[in-house]
Amino acid sequence: MGRDQIQRKLSDGFAFVFRDSRLTITDVDVRILSPTIAIAHVRWTMDGAKTPPGAPQPPREGIQLQVLTKQGHDWRIASFQSTNYFPEQPFPKGPPTSN
């Protein structure tokens, strides 16, 4: 997906779904890989986003993975992924039981 497609999709989202939302960064963990490359894990919460009927309601939580590159004195996002967070579930200890 190119920059123009990403911009169109985000413009569509912000025109209605995210128009009245608020994203709050709750934690940032940065690991410097080299003098010009870093990785950041960014935890966030969001409230105010519109959802379809029956869908889970905000606030939502998630984590972003950002690959950062240093250009001059500034750090720029070279790659970005944002994922909704769901509480961790324990692994099952065996097959499901039938009742």
C-alpha atoms as a PDB file:
ATOM      1  CA  MET A   1       0.000   0.000   0.000  1.00  0.00           C
ATOM      2  CA  GLY A   2       1.456   3.355  -1.003  1.00  0.00           C
ATOM      3  CA  ARG A   3       1.394   6.751   0.677  1.00  0.00           C
ATOM      4  CA  ASP A   4      -1.628   7.962  -1.383  1.00  0.00           C
ATOM      5  CA  GLN A   5      -3.722   4.902  -0.456  1.00  0.00           C
ATOM      6  CA  ILE A   6      -2.823   5.247   3.223  1.00  0.00           C
ATOM      7  CA  GLN A   7      -3.698   8.941   3.158  1.00  0.00           C
ATOM      8  CA  ARG A   8      -7.096   8.233   1.527  1.00  0.00           C
ATOM      9  CA  LYS A   9      -7.957   5.509   4.045  1.00  0.00           C
ATOM     10  CA  LEU A  10      -6.977   7.672   7.007  1.00  0.00           C
ATOM     11  CA  SER A  11      -8.861  10.683   5.595  1.00  0.00           C
ATOM     12  CA  ASP A  12     -11.980   8.510   5.286  1.00  0.00           C
ATOM     13  CA  GLY A  13     -11.566   7.268   8.866  1.00  0.00           C
ATOM     14  CA  PHE A  14     -11.044  10.727  10.335  1.00  0.00           C
ATOM     15  CA  ALA A  15     -13.996  12.191   8.417  1.00  0.00           C
ATOM     16  CA  PHE A  16     -16.444  10.241  10.618  1.00  0.00           C
ATOM     17  CA  VAL A  17     -15.227   7.300  12.735  1.00  0.00           C
ATOM     18  CA  PHE A  18     -12.317   9.065  14.481  1.00  0.00           C
ATOM     19  CA  ARG A  19     -13.534  12.676  14.123  1.00  0.00           C
ATOM     20  CA  ASP A  20     -14.448  13.026  17.821  1.00  0.00           C
ATOM     21  CA  SER A  21     -11.928  10.529  19.208  1.00  0.00           C
ATOM     22  CA  ARG A  22      -8.962  11.129  21.474  1.00  0.00           C
ATOM     23  CA  LEU A  23      -5.794   8.997  21.371  1.00  0.00           C
ATOM     24  CA  THR A  24      -3.677   9.049  24.520  1.00  0.00           C
ATOM     25  CA  ILE A  25      -0.138   7.664  24.614  1.00  0.00           C
ATOM     26  CA  THR A  26       0.247   5.781  27.900  1.00  0.00           C
ATOM     27  CA  ASP A  27       3.761   4.304  27.612  1.00  0.00           C
ATOM     28  CA  VAL A  28       6.729   4.406  25.235  1.00  0.00           C
ATOM     29  CA  ASP A  29       9.661   1.991  25.203  1.00  0.00           C
ATOM     30  CA  VAL A  30      12.465   2.807  22.745  1.00  0.00           C
ATOM     31  CA  ARG A  31      15.358   0.564  21.806  1.00  0.00           C
ATOM     32  CA  ILE A  32      18.219   2.172  19.883  1.00  0.00           C
ATOM     33  CA  LEU A  33      19.580  -0.299  17.315  1.00  0.00           C
ATOM     34  CA  SER A  34      22.192   1.990  15.766  1.00  0.00           C
ATOM     35  CA  PRO A  35      22.948   5.731  15.772  1.00  0.00           C
ATOM     36  CA  THR A  36      20.287   6.192  13.063  1.00  0.00           C
ATOM     37  CA  ILE A  37      17.748   3.388  13.682  1.00  0.00           C
ATOM     38  CA  ALA A  38      15.444   2.767  16.647  1.00  0.00           C
ATOM     39  CA  ILE A  39      12.349   0.712  17.418  1.00  0.00           C
ATOM     40  CA  ALA A  40       9.570   2.077  19.630  1.00  0.00           C
ATOM     41  CA  HIS A  41       6.725   0.179  21.280  1.00  0.00           C
ATOM     42  CA  VAL A  42       4.007   2.725  22.035  1.00  0.00           C
ATOM     43  CA  ARG A  43       0.985   1.819  24.179  1.00  0.00           C
ATOM     44  CA  TRP A  44      -2.170   3.861  23.632  1.00  0.00           C
ATOM     45  CA  THR A  45      -5.799   4.205  24.630  1.00  0.00           C
ATOM     46  CA  MET A  46      -8.573   5.748  22.548  1.00  0.00           C
ATOM     47  CA  ASP A  47     -12.017   6.964  23.431  1.00  0.00           C
ATOM     48  CA  GLY A  48     -14.726   8.710  21.446  1.00  0.00           C
ATOM     49  CA  ALA A  49     -14.390   6.675  18.235  1.00  0.00           C
ATOM     50  CA  LYS A  50     -17.676   5.667  16.612  1.00  0.00           C
ATOM     51  CA  THR A  51     -18.316   1.931  16.327  1.00  0.00           C
ATOM     52  CA  PRO A  52     -20.923  -0.125  14.493  1.00  0.00           C
ATOM     53  CA  PRO A  53     -23.937  -1.295  16.532  1.00  0.00           C
ATOM     54  CA  GLY A  54     -23.059  -4.353  18.612  1.00  0.00           C
ATOM     55  CA  ALA A  55     -19.288  -3.808  18.376  1.00  0.00           C
ATOM     56  CA  PRO A  56     -17.204  -3.366  21.533  1.00  0.00           C
ATOM     57  CA  GLN A  57     -17.348   0.233  22.704  1.00  0.00           C
ATOM     58  CA  PRO A  58     -14.348   2.440  23.437  1.00  0.00           C
ATOM     59  CA  PRO A  59     -12.145   3.069  25.242  1.00  0.00           C
ATOM     60  CA  ARG A  60      -9.839   0.877  23.243  1.00  0.00           C
ATOM     61  CA  GLU A  61      -6.263  -0.038  23.988  1.00  0.00           C
ATOM     62  CA  GLY A  62      -3.464  -0.938  21.651  1.00  0.00           C
ATOM     63  CA  ILE A  63       0.212  -0.983  20.885  1.00  0.00           C
ATOM     64  CA  GLN A  64       2.115   0.555  18.021  1.00  0.00           C
ATOM     65  CA  LEU A  65       5.389  -0.725  16.639  1.00  0.00           C
ATOM     66  CA  GLN A  66       7.373   2.089  15.063  1.00  0.00           C
ATOM     67  CA  VAL A  67      10.649   1.821  13.164  1.00  0.00           C
ATOM     68  CA  LEU A  68      12.394   5.174  13.460  1.00  0.00           C
ATOM     69  CA  THR A  69      15.241   6.625  11.397  1.00  0.00           C
ATOM     70  CA  LYS A  70      17.324   9.624  12.344  1.00  0.00           C
ATOM     71  CA  GLN A  71      17.575  12.316   9.681  1.00  0.00           C
ATOM     72  CA  GLY A  72      19.828  15.150  10.798  1.00  0.00           C
ATOM     73  CA  HIS A  73      18.716  15.939  14.359  1.00  0.00           C
ATOM     74  CA  ASP A  74      15.161  14.586  13.876  1.00  0.00           C
ATOM     75  CA  TRP A  75      13.732  11.099  14.301  1.00  0.00           C
ATOM     76  CA  ARG A  76      11.191  10.108  11.598  1.00  0.00           C
ATOM     77  CA  ILE A  77       8.781   7.175  11.464  1.00  0.00           C
ATOM     78  CA  ALA A  78       9.882   4.907   8.608  1.00  0.00           C
ATOM     79  CA  SER A  79       7.375   2.127   9.346  1.00  0.00           C
ATOM     80  CA  PHE A  80       4.362   1.909  11.638  1.00  0.00           C
ATOM     81  CA  GLN A  81       1.924  -0.762  12.795  1.00  0.00           C
ATOM     82  CA  SER A  82      -0.917  -0.252  15.254  1.00  0.00           C
ATOM     83  CA  THR A  83      -2.707  -3.211  16.793  1.00  0.00           C
ATOM     84  CA  ASN A  84      -5.688  -3.337  19.147  1.00  0.00           C
ATOM     85  CA  TYR A  85      -4.810  -4.866  22.499  1.00  0.00           C
ATOM     86  CA  PHE A  86      -6.766  -7.732  23.961  1.00  0.00           C
ATOM     87  CA  PRO A  87      -6.037  -8.991  27.488  1.00  0.00           C
ATOM     88  CA  GLU A  88      -3.778 -12.022  27.469  1.00  0.00           C
ATOM     89  CA  GLN A  89      -5.570 -15.354  27.773  1.00  0.00           C
ATOM     90  CA  PRO A  90      -3.822 -18.366  29.329  1.00  0.00           C
ATOM     91  CA  PHE A  91      -2.991 -21.247  27.011  1.00  0.00           C
ATOM     92  CA  PRO A  92      -5.440 -24.159  27.332  1.00  0.00           C
ATOM     93  CA  LYS A  93      -4.096 -27.117  29.290  1.00  0.00           C
ATOM     94  CA  GLY A  94      -5.899 -29.655  27.133  1.00  0.00           C
ATOM     95  CA  PRO A  95      -8.705 -30.102  24.619  1.00  0.00           C
ATOM     96  CA  PRO A  96     -12.064 -28.505  25.368  1.00  0.00           C
ATOM     97  CA  THR A  97     -14.401 -30.652  27.427  1.00  0.00           C
ATOM     98  CA  SER A  98     -17.809 -31.552  26.032  1.00  0.00           C
ATOM     99  CA  ASN A  99     -20.859 -31.278  28.262  1.00  0.00           C
END
